[in-house]
Amino acid sequence: MILDSHAHFDLILEQKGITETDIINNLKSTNVRYAVQVSIEPRGFKWSRDFAERNTNNGIFYTIGIHPSSKADNTELESFSAFTAESMQADSSKLLLGIGECGLDYYRMHQPRDLQIRSFEHQIDVAQKYSLPLIIHLRQAMDEGLEILKRKNAGYGIMHCFAGDSAAAKRVTDAGFMVSFAGNLTYKAAVELHDAAAYLPLDMLLLETDSPFLSPVPLRGKPNVPWNVLHTYKFISELKKVPVSRIEDAVAENFLKLVRS
């Protein structure tokens, strides 16, 4: 059994020639037992929840979050808080995996630094209110992001699309977060990621596609899809010199720790 802990199905479906039925059938045929639809802005919240509800028997979960590159003024933050409260009261509340993706992105800087921090801290507060894990995006902002998490005593969730070496991975796990690798782990030049993955204990490991981005080798350059995560499973299995089945079991066990019963 394999899983994709982070995908953007709404963006995948913007591609021509692929339907929701195609996606679900491919997940089944490739043994992807669980996948997570990750929200990045309020206009996608309802679709994400509806998608998970339609496909609850197919192992689909969803998140609610505002990406650090997305607009997050008072209106967006209020919409986020209200939708989270509503979703936690819904019959499908167990399908809400967590809050995110949220965090800081000082690489793109599509939003001012102070607004990114405000949005991040607000989402941390909501996650803590409902005891939900955080799905975190930190790009060129690891030091400040980890400091915010420490200050707010937030140590529960996933460091999505991890970027860093083994020392950075240790800082993340010491802070209480699982480390999730995407398809860029398979790139030959990603030596820091290889170092981090070789170091990382199996009980802190998750894998993802971040579809439709970051297709793994040998599919690099093509739009990504959740079932491509199999290539990342194989790569980390070879890197850590353990059977793929052991990676599958560890990732599944780690993921299910985040799912509320």
Foldseek 3Di string as FASTA:
>chain_A
DAEAAEAAVVVVVVDPPDDPVNQLVVCVVLVHQAYEHEDAFLVCVVVRVVSCVVCVVSHYAYEQEHELLHDDDPVRLVSSLVSLVVLCPDPVVLSHLAYDPAEDAPPVCNDPPVRSLVRRLSRLVSCVVVVHAYAYEDHPCLVVRLVSCVVVVHAGEEDPQDQFAQVSLVSNVVSNHAYEHEQCLQDPPSVRSLRNLLNDDLLRYAYHHHFLDNQHPPVPPHGDGTSSSVVVLVVSCVSNVHDSVVSRVSNVVNSVVSRDD
